[in-house]
Amino acid sequence: MPRPRSLTKSDLGAAALAVIDRDGLSALTMRAVAKELRMATMALYRYVADREELENLVIDVMLADLDVSTPADSPWRDRVTTLLHRMRAAVSAHPATVPLMPRHRERSAATLRWMEAMLAVLTEGGFAGAERVIAQRTLVAFLLGFLQNEHYASINAPATAAIAQLSPDEYPTLTETAAQARKMSVTDEFHGGLAIVLRGLANDS
């Protein structure tokens, strides 16, 4: 296959993301990305060392346009909510990439910019020292957990339906909760869960 005259890291990340979007995360290989770029597999190693570096580029490309600005005069909870919603929207647009987020969140330049913005908002909200560490990690844990739950729940939707059909005599609360879960949108779940987390952080700040 002919080799392109030049490639950028963004070109590689975009090609890798295209492979993931089309064929799933398990399909991401150096060979698949090289094929996407119409180049020889060995030529790809001139640009990246391995799949792990490709994964990192995927995150950077996926979040390249993520806006991390927020109105300085808005309450800190509103600003945190905005940043979390933007990140969730960016990742949810490429659901097969969800498993990459916890793996690369501290190596991707894009996620580091987002984390810096989050910490700046928390600082302006009065968080410092250990409290700021806990607040940031709690919010990130909620986001990552929600993204994974959203991703795998969509794959395993029949499981929730099956739980809702269990014996209500034996599992009264579980069946009631599963039935309610089937009626809720993921956006409602995200709003509700984040509101609970932010209330807890506000009470402790």
C-alpha atoms as a PDB file:
ATOM      1  CA  MET A   1       0.000   0.000   0.000  1.00  0.00           C
ATOM      2  CA  PRO A   2       1.303   3.482  -0.762  1.00  0.00           C
ATOM      3  CA  ARG A   3       2.556   5.432   2.215  1.00  0.00           C
ATOM      4  CA  PRO A   4       1.105   8.914   2.803  1.00  0.00           C
ATOM      5  CA  ARG A   5       3.595  11.722   2.344  1.00  0.00           C
ATOM      6  CA  SER A   6       3.142  12.819   5.964  1.00  0.00           C
ATOM      7  CA  LEU A   7       1.027  12.000   8.958  1.00  0.00           C
ATOM      8  CA  THR A   8       0.264  13.824  12.165  1.00  0.00           C
ATOM      9  CA  LYS A   9      -0.617  12.372  15.538  1.00  0.00           C
ATOM     10  CA  SER A  10      -4.148  13.632  14.940  1.00  0.00           C
ATOM     11  CA  ASP A  11      -4.311  11.670  11.670  1.00  0.00           C
ATOM     12  CA  LEU A  12      -3.394   8.492  13.495  1.00  0.00           C
ATOM     13  CA  GLY A  13      -5.799   9.148  16.339  1.00  0.00           C
ATOM     14  CA  ALA A  14      -8.640   9.869  13.925  1.00  0.00           C
ATOM     15  CA  ALA A  15      -7.952   6.682  11.985  1.00  0.00           C
ATOM     16  CA  ALA A  16      -7.847   4.634  15.183  1.00  0.00           C
ATOM     17  CA  LEU A  17     -11.098   6.222  16.362  1.00  0.00           C
ATOM     18  CA  ALA A  18     -12.728   5.386  13.031  1.00  0.00           C
ATOM     19  CA  VAL A  19     -11.732   1.738  13.479  1.00  0.00           C
ATOM     20  CA  ILE A  20     -13.183   1.674  17.005  1.00  0.00           C
ATOM     21  CA  ASP A  21     -16.423   3.406  16.002  1.00  0.00           C
ATOM     22  CA  ARG A  22     -16.945   1.017  13.120  1.00  0.00           C
ATOM     23  CA  ASP A  23     -15.684  -2.309  14.466  1.00  0.00           C
ATOM     24  CA  GLY A  24     -15.382  -1.946  18.251  1.00  0.00           C
ATOM     25  CA  LEU A  25     -12.466  -1.562  20.624  1.00  0.00           C
ATOM     26  CA  SER A  26     -11.299  -5.152  20.196  1.00  0.00           C
ATOM     27  CA  ALA A  27     -10.681  -4.413  16.508  1.00  0.00           C
ATOM     28  CA  LEU A  28      -8.093  -1.747  17.277  1.00  0.00           C
ATOM     29  CA  THR A  29      -4.759  -3.105  16.063  1.00  0.00           C
ATOM     30  CA  MET A  30      -1.756  -1.583  14.352  1.00  0.00           C
ATOM     31  CA  ARG A  31      -2.717  -3.528  11.223  1.00  0.00           C
ATOM     32  CA  ALA A  32      -6.276  -2.185  11.247  1.00  0.00           C
ATOM     33  CA  VAL A  33      -5.147   1.426  11.660  1.00  0.00           C
ATOM     34  CA  ALA A  34      -2.534   1.022   8.943  1.00  0.00           C
ATOM     35  CA  LYS A  35      -5.230  -0.322   6.630  1.00  0.00           C
ATOM     36  CA  GLU A  36      -7.461   2.639   7.512  1.00  0.00           C
ATOM     37  CA  LEU A  37      -4.604   4.960   6.517  1.00  0.00           C
ATOM     38  CA  ARG A  38      -3.762   2.937   3.382  1.00  0.00           C
ATOM     39  CA  MET A  39      -0.221   2.291   4.496  1.00  0.00           C
ATOM     40  CA  ALA A  40       1.941  -0.699   5.392  1.00  0.00           C
ATOM     41  CA  THR A  41       1.667  -1.867   8.984  1.00  0.00           C
ATOM     42  CA  MET A  42       5.397  -1.559   9.633  1.00  0.00           C
ATOM     43  CA  ALA A  43       5.342   2.026   8.383  1.00  0.00           C
ATOM     44  CA  LEU A  44       2.950   2.903  11.215  1.00  0.00           C
ATOM     45  CA  TYR A  45       5.689   2.175  13.733  1.00  0.00           C
ATOM     46  CA  ARG A  46       7.527   5.240  12.484  1.00  0.00           C
ATOM     47  CA  TYR A  47       4.839   7.283  14.234  1.00  0.00           C
ATOM     48  CA  VAL A  48       3.735   5.264  17.271  1.00  0.00           C
ATOM     49  CA  ALA A  49       5.360   2.551  19.333  1.00  0.00           C
ATOM     50  CA  ASP A  50       2.350   0.357  20.066  1.00  0.00           C
ATOM     51  CA  ARG A  51      -1.395   0.062  20.568  1.00  0.00           C
ATOM     52  CA  GLU A  52      -1.213   1.816  23.935  1.00  0.00           C
ATOM     53  CA  GLU A  53       0.100   4.963  22.272  1.00  0.00           C
ATOM     54  CA  LEU A  54      -2.660   4.672  19.672  1.00  0.00           C
ATOM     55  CA  GLU A  55      -5.257   4.494  22.437  1.00  0.00           C
ATOM     56  CA  ASN A  56      -3.886   7.645  23.984  1.00  0.00           C
ATOM     57  CA  LEU A  57      -4.124   9.422  20.631  1.00  0.00           C
ATOM     58  CA  VAL A  58      -7.742   8.287  20.320  1.00  0.00           C
ATOM     59  CA  ILE A  59      -8.614  10.065  23.572  1.00  0.00           C
ATOM     60  CA  ASP A  60      -6.834  13.232  22.489  1.00  0.00           C
ATOM     61  CA  VAL A  61      -8.624  13.292  19.138  1.00  0.00           C
ATOM     62  CA  MET A  62     -11.991  12.484  20.672  1.00  0.00           C
ATOM     63  CA  LEU A  63     -11.653  15.323  23.183  1.00  0.00           C
ATOM     64  CA  ALA A  64      -9.781  17.797  20.986  1.00  0.00           C
ATOM     65  CA  ASP A  65     -12.754  20.156  20.745  1.00  0.00           C
ATOM     66  CA  LEU A  66     -13.873  19.773  24.361  1.00  0.00           C
ATOM     67  CA  ASP A  67     -14.615  23.224  25.756  1.00  0.00           C
ATOM     68  CA  VAL A  68     -13.202  23.597  29.273  1.00  0.00           C
ATOM     69  CA  SER A  69     -14.232  27.216  29.775  1.00  0.00           C
ATOM     70  CA  THR A  70     -17.023  28.139  32.180  1.00  0.00           C
ATOM     71  CA  PRO A  71     -18.499  31.500  33.249  1.00  0.00           C
ATOM     72  CA  ALA A  72     -16.422  32.804  36.147  1.00  0.00           C
ATOM     73  CA  ASP A  73     -19.465  34.405  37.763  1.00  0.00           C
ATOM     74  CA  SER A  74     -21.490  31.163  37.878  1.00  0.00           C
ATOM     75  CA  PRO A  75     -21.745  29.023  41.054  1.00  0.00           C
ATOM     76  CA  TRP A  76     -19.071  26.357  41.270  1.00  0.00           C
ATOM     77  CA  ARG A  77     -21.627  23.560  41.184  1.00  0.00           C
ATOM     78  CA  ASP A  78     -23.048  24.849  37.896  1.00  0.00           C
ATOM     79  CA  ARG A  79     -19.559  25.063  36.413  1.00  0.00           C
ATOM     80  CA  VAL A  80     -18.628  21.555  37.559  1.00  0.00           C
ATOM     81  CA  THR A  81     -21.905  20.258  36.150  1.00  0.00           C
ATOM     82  CA  THR A  82     -21.129  21.891  32.796  1.00  0.00           C
ATOM     83  CA  LEU A  83     -17.668  20.339  32.606  1.00  0.00           C
ATOM     84  CA  LEU A  84     -18.960  16.900  33.529  1.00  0.00           C
ATOM     85  CA  HIS A  85     -21.801  17.067  31.035  1.00  0.00           C
ATOM     86  CA  ARG A  86     -19.434  18.086  28.247  1.00  0.00           C
ATOM     87  CA  MET A  87     -17.071  15.230  29.002  1.00  0.00           C
ATOM     88  CA  ARG A  88     -19.899  12.731  29.174  1.00  0.00           C
ATOM     89  CA  ALA A  89     -21.313  13.952  25.847  1.00  0.00           C
ATOM     90  CA  ALA A  90     -17.923  13.740  24.136  1.00  0.00           C
ATOM     91  CA  VAL A  91     -17.262  10.189  25.297  1.00  0.00           C
ATOM     92  CA  SER A  92     -20.835   8.967  24.820  1.00  0.00           C
ATOM     93  CA  ALA A  93     -20.607   9.996  21.166  1.00  0.00           C
ATOM     94  CA  HIS A  94     -18.051   7.175  20.802  1.00  0.00           C
ATOM     95  CA  PRO A  95     -19.368   4.559  23.262  1.00  0.00           C
ATOM     96  CA  ALA A  96     -16.867   1.843  22.375  1.00  0.00           C
ATOM     97  CA  THR A  97     -14.062   4.078  23.719  1.00  0.00           C
ATOM     98  CA  VAL A  98     -15.460   4.066  27.260  1.00  0.00           C
ATOM     99  CA  PRO A  99     -12.998   1.424  28.574  1.00  0.00           C
ATOM    100  CA  LEU A 100     -10.108   3.644  27.445  1.00  0.00           C
ATOM    101  CA  MET A 101     -11.035   6.543  29.724  1.00  0.00           C
ATOM    102  CA  PRO A 102      -9.931   5.120  33.095  1.00  0.00           C
ATOM    103  CA  ARG A 103      -6.833   3.672  31.433  1.00  0.00           C
ATOM    104  CA  HIS A 104      -5.564   6.895  29.873  1.00  0.00           C
ATOM    105  CA  ARG A 105      -7.118   9.741  31.841  1.00  0.00           C
ATOM    106  CA  GLU A 106      -3.792  10.770  33.374  1.00  0.00           C
ATOM    107  CA  ARG A 107      -1.753  10.494  30.171  1.00  0.00           C
ATOM    108  CA  SER A 108      -3.941  12.251  27.646  1.00  0.00           C
ATOM    109  CA  ALA A 109      -3.280  15.966  27.168  1.00  0.00           C
ATOM    110  CA  ALA A 110      -6.986  16.517  26.551  1.00  0.00           C
ATOM    111  CA  THR A 111      -8.074  14.922  29.819  1.00  0.00           C
ATOM    112  CA  LEU A 112      -5.346  16.760  31.721  1.00  0.00           C
ATOM    113  CA  ARG A 113      -6.718  20.090  30.434  1.00  0.00           C
ATOM    114  CA  TRP A 114     -10.187  19.068  31.573  1.00  0.00           C
ATOM    115  CA  MET A 115      -8.927  18.000  34.993  1.00  0.00           C
ATOM    116  CA  GLU A 116      -7.080  21.285  35.409  1.00  0.00           C
ATOM    117  CA  ALA A 117     -10.271  23.180  34.613  1.00  0.00           C
ATOM    118  CA  MET A 118     -12.205  21.076  37.143  1.00  0.00           C
ATOM    119  CA  LEU A 119      -9.623  21.714  39.855  1.00  0.00           C
ATOM    120  CA  ALA A 120      -9.641  25.452  39.146  1.00  0.00           C
ATOM    121  CA  VAL A 121     -13.418  25.551  39.589  1.00  0.00           C
ATOM    122  CA  LEU A 122     -13.231  23.543  42.809  1.00  0.00           C
ATOM    123  CA  THR A 123     -10.519  25.857  44.113  1.00  0.00           C
ATOM    124  CA  GLU A 124     -12.683  28.881  43.423  1.00  0.00           C
ATOM    125  CA  GLY A 125     -15.511  27.030  45.172  1.00  0.00           C
ATOM    126  CA  GLY A 126     -13.472  26.926  48.362  1.00  0.00           C
ATOM    127  CA  PHE A 127     -11.886  23.478  48.131  1.00  0.00           C
ATOM    128  CA  ALA A 128      -8.227  23.148  49.067  1.00  0.00           C
ATOM    129  CA  GLY A 129      -5.747  20.525  50.207  1.00  0.00           C
ATOM    130  CA  ALA A 130      -7.126  17.075  50.951  1.00  0.00           C
ATOM    131  CA  GLU A 131     -10.727  18.226  50.449  1.00  0.00           C
ATOM    132  CA  ARG A 132      -9.941  19.256  46.891  1.00  0.00           C
ATOM    133  CA  VAL A 133      -8.263  15.912  46.197  1.00  0.00           C
ATOM    134  CA  ILE A 134     -11.293  14.042  47.516  1.00  0.00           C
ATOM    135  CA  ALA A 135     -13.768  16.271  45.663  1.00  0.00           C
ATOM    136  CA  GLN A 136     -11.954  15.895  42.337  1.00  0.00           C
ATOM    137  CA  ARG A 137     -11.523  12.145  42.645  1.00  0.00           C
ATOM    138  CA  THR A 138     -15.107  11.677  43.743  1.00  0.00           C
ATOM    139  CA  LEU A 139     -16.396  13.573  40.706  1.00  0.00           C
ATOM    140  CA  VAL A 140     -14.087  11.713  38.327  1.00  0.00           C
ATOM    141  CA  ALA A 141     -15.084   8.386  39.890  1.00  0.00           C
ATOM    142  CA  PHE A 142     -18.757   9.247  39.420  1.00  0.00           C
ATOM    143  CA  LEU A 143     -18.189  10.191  35.786  1.00  0.00           C
ATOM    144  CA  LEU A 144     -16.131   7.117  34.928  1.00  0.00           C
ATOM    145  CA  GLY A 145     -18.507   4.831  36.763  1.00  0.00           C
ATOM    146  CA  PHE A 146     -21.493   6.335  35.031  1.00  0.00           C
ATOM    147  CA  LEU A 147     -19.893   6.082  31.592  1.00  0.00           C
ATOM    148  CA  GLN A 148     -19.071   2.430  32.136  1.00  0.00           C
ATOM    149  CA  ASN A 149     -22.495   1.680  33.534  1.00  0.00           C
ATOM    150  CA  GLU A 150     -24.142   3.478  30.603  1.00  0.00           C
ATOM    151  CA  HIS A 151     -21.983   1.582  28.121  1.00  0.00           C
ATOM    152  CA  TYR A 152     -22.392  -1.896  29.583  1.00  0.00           C
ATOM    153  CA  ALA A 153     -26.028  -1.403  30.567  1.00  0.00           C
ATOM    154  CA  SER A 154     -26.858  -0.655  26.934  1.00  0.00           C
ATOM    155  CA  ILE A 155     -25.192  -3.935  25.979  1.00  0.00           C
ATOM    156  CA  ASN A 156     -26.894  -5.841  28.784  1.00  0.00           C
ATOM    157  CA  ALA A 157     -30.323  -4.198  28.645  1.00  0.00           C
ATOM    158  CA  PRO A 158     -32.048  -7.616  28.540  1.00  0.00           C
ATOM    159  CA  ALA A 159     -30.537  -8.362  31.954  1.00  0.00           C
ATOM    160  CA  THR A 160     -32.395  -5.456  33.536  1.00  0.00           C
ATOM    161  CA  ALA A 161     -35.612  -6.610  31.883  1.00  0.00           C
ATOM    162  CA  ALA A 162     -35.023 -10.104  33.227  1.00  0.00           C
ATOM    163  CA  ILE A 163     -34.464  -8.777  36.753  1.00  0.00           C
ATOM    164  CA  ALA A 164     -37.713  -6.829  36.535  1.00  0.00           C
ATOM    165  CA  GLN A 165     -39.479 -10.134  35.822  1.00  0.00           C
ATOM    166  CA  LEU A 166     -38.144 -11.936  38.901  1.00  0.00           C
ATOM    167  CA  SER A 167     -40.507 -12.926  41.674  1.00  0.00           C
ATOM    168  CA  PRO A 168     -41.575  -9.765  43.542  1.00  0.00           C
ATOM    169  CA  ASP A 169     -42.244 -11.898  46.595  1.00  0.00           C
ATOM    170  CA  GLU A 170     -38.610 -12.989  46.745  1.00  0.00           C
ATOM    171  CA  TYR A 171     -37.007  -9.778  45.449  1.00  0.00           C
ATOM    172  CA  PRO A 172     -39.513  -6.979  46.105  1.00  0.00           C
ATOM    173  CA  THR A 173     -37.128  -4.024  46.099  1.00  0.00           C
ATOM    174  CA  LEU A 174     -34.903  -5.344  43.329  1.00  0.00           C
ATOM    175  CA  THR A 175     -37.778  -5.950  40.907  1.00  0.00           C
ATOM    176  CA  GLU A 176     -39.363  -2.593  41.706  1.00  0.00           C
ATOM    177  CA  THR A 177     -36.060  -0.791  41.149  1.00  0.00           C
ATOM    178  CA  ALA A 178     -35.342  -2.647  37.895  1.00  0.00           C
ATOM    179  CA  ALA A 179     -38.807  -1.801  36.583  1.00  0.00           C
ATOM    180  CA  GLN A 180     -38.245   1.871  37.415  1.00  0.00           C
ATOM    181  CA  ALA A 181     -34.790   1.818  35.831  1.00  0.00           C
ATOM    182  CA  ARG A 182     -36.283   0.662  32.536  1.00  0.00           C
ATOM    183  CA  LYS A 183     -38.434   3.799  32.428  1.00  0.00           C
ATOM    184  CA  MET A 184     -35.608   6.255  33.045  1.00  0.00           C
ATOM    185  CA  SER A 185     -33.335   7.871  30.475  1.00  0.00           C
ATOM    186  CA  VAL A 186     -29.588   7.837  30.954  1.00  0.00           C
ATOM    187  CA  THR A 187     -29.666  11.635  31.032  1.00  0.00           C
ATOM    188  CA  ASP A 188     -32.099  11.592  33.951  1.00  0.00           C
ATOM    189  CA  GLU A 189     -29.847   9.143  35.737  1.00  0.00           C
ATOM    190  CA  PHE A 190     -26.799  11.317  35.150  1.00  0.00           C
ATOM    191  CA  HIS A 191     -28.559  14.480  36.344  1.00  0.00           C
ATOM    192  CA  GLY A 192     -29.903  12.743  39.422  1.00  0.00           C
ATOM    193  CA  GLY A 193     -26.686  11.030  40.410  1.00  0.00           C
ATOM    194  CA  LEU A 194     -24.578  14.141  39.903  1.00  0.00           C
ATOM    195  CA  ALA A 195     -27.024  16.233  41.953  1.00  0.00           C
ATOM    196  CA  ILE A 196     -26.609  13.816  44.867  1.00  0.00           C
ATOM    197  CA  VAL A 197     -22.806  13.917  44.639  1.00  0.00           C
ATOM    198  CA  LEU A 198     -22.712  17.727  44.427  1.00  0.00           C
ATOM    199  CA  ARG A 199     -25.053  18.107  47.390  1.00  0.00           C
ATOM    200  CA  GLY A 200     -22.727  15.934  49.438  1.00  0.00           C
ATOM    201  CA  LEU A 201     -19.664  17.936  48.403  1.00  0.00           C
ATOM    202  CA  ALA A 202     -21.440  21.240  49.098  1.00  0.00           C
ATOM    203  CA  ASN A 203     -22.365  20.130  52.590  1.00  0.00           C
ATOM    204  CA  ASP A 204     -18.767  19.272  53.360  1.00  0.00           C
ATOM    205  CA  SER A 205     -17.169  22.351  51.775  1.00  0.00           C
END
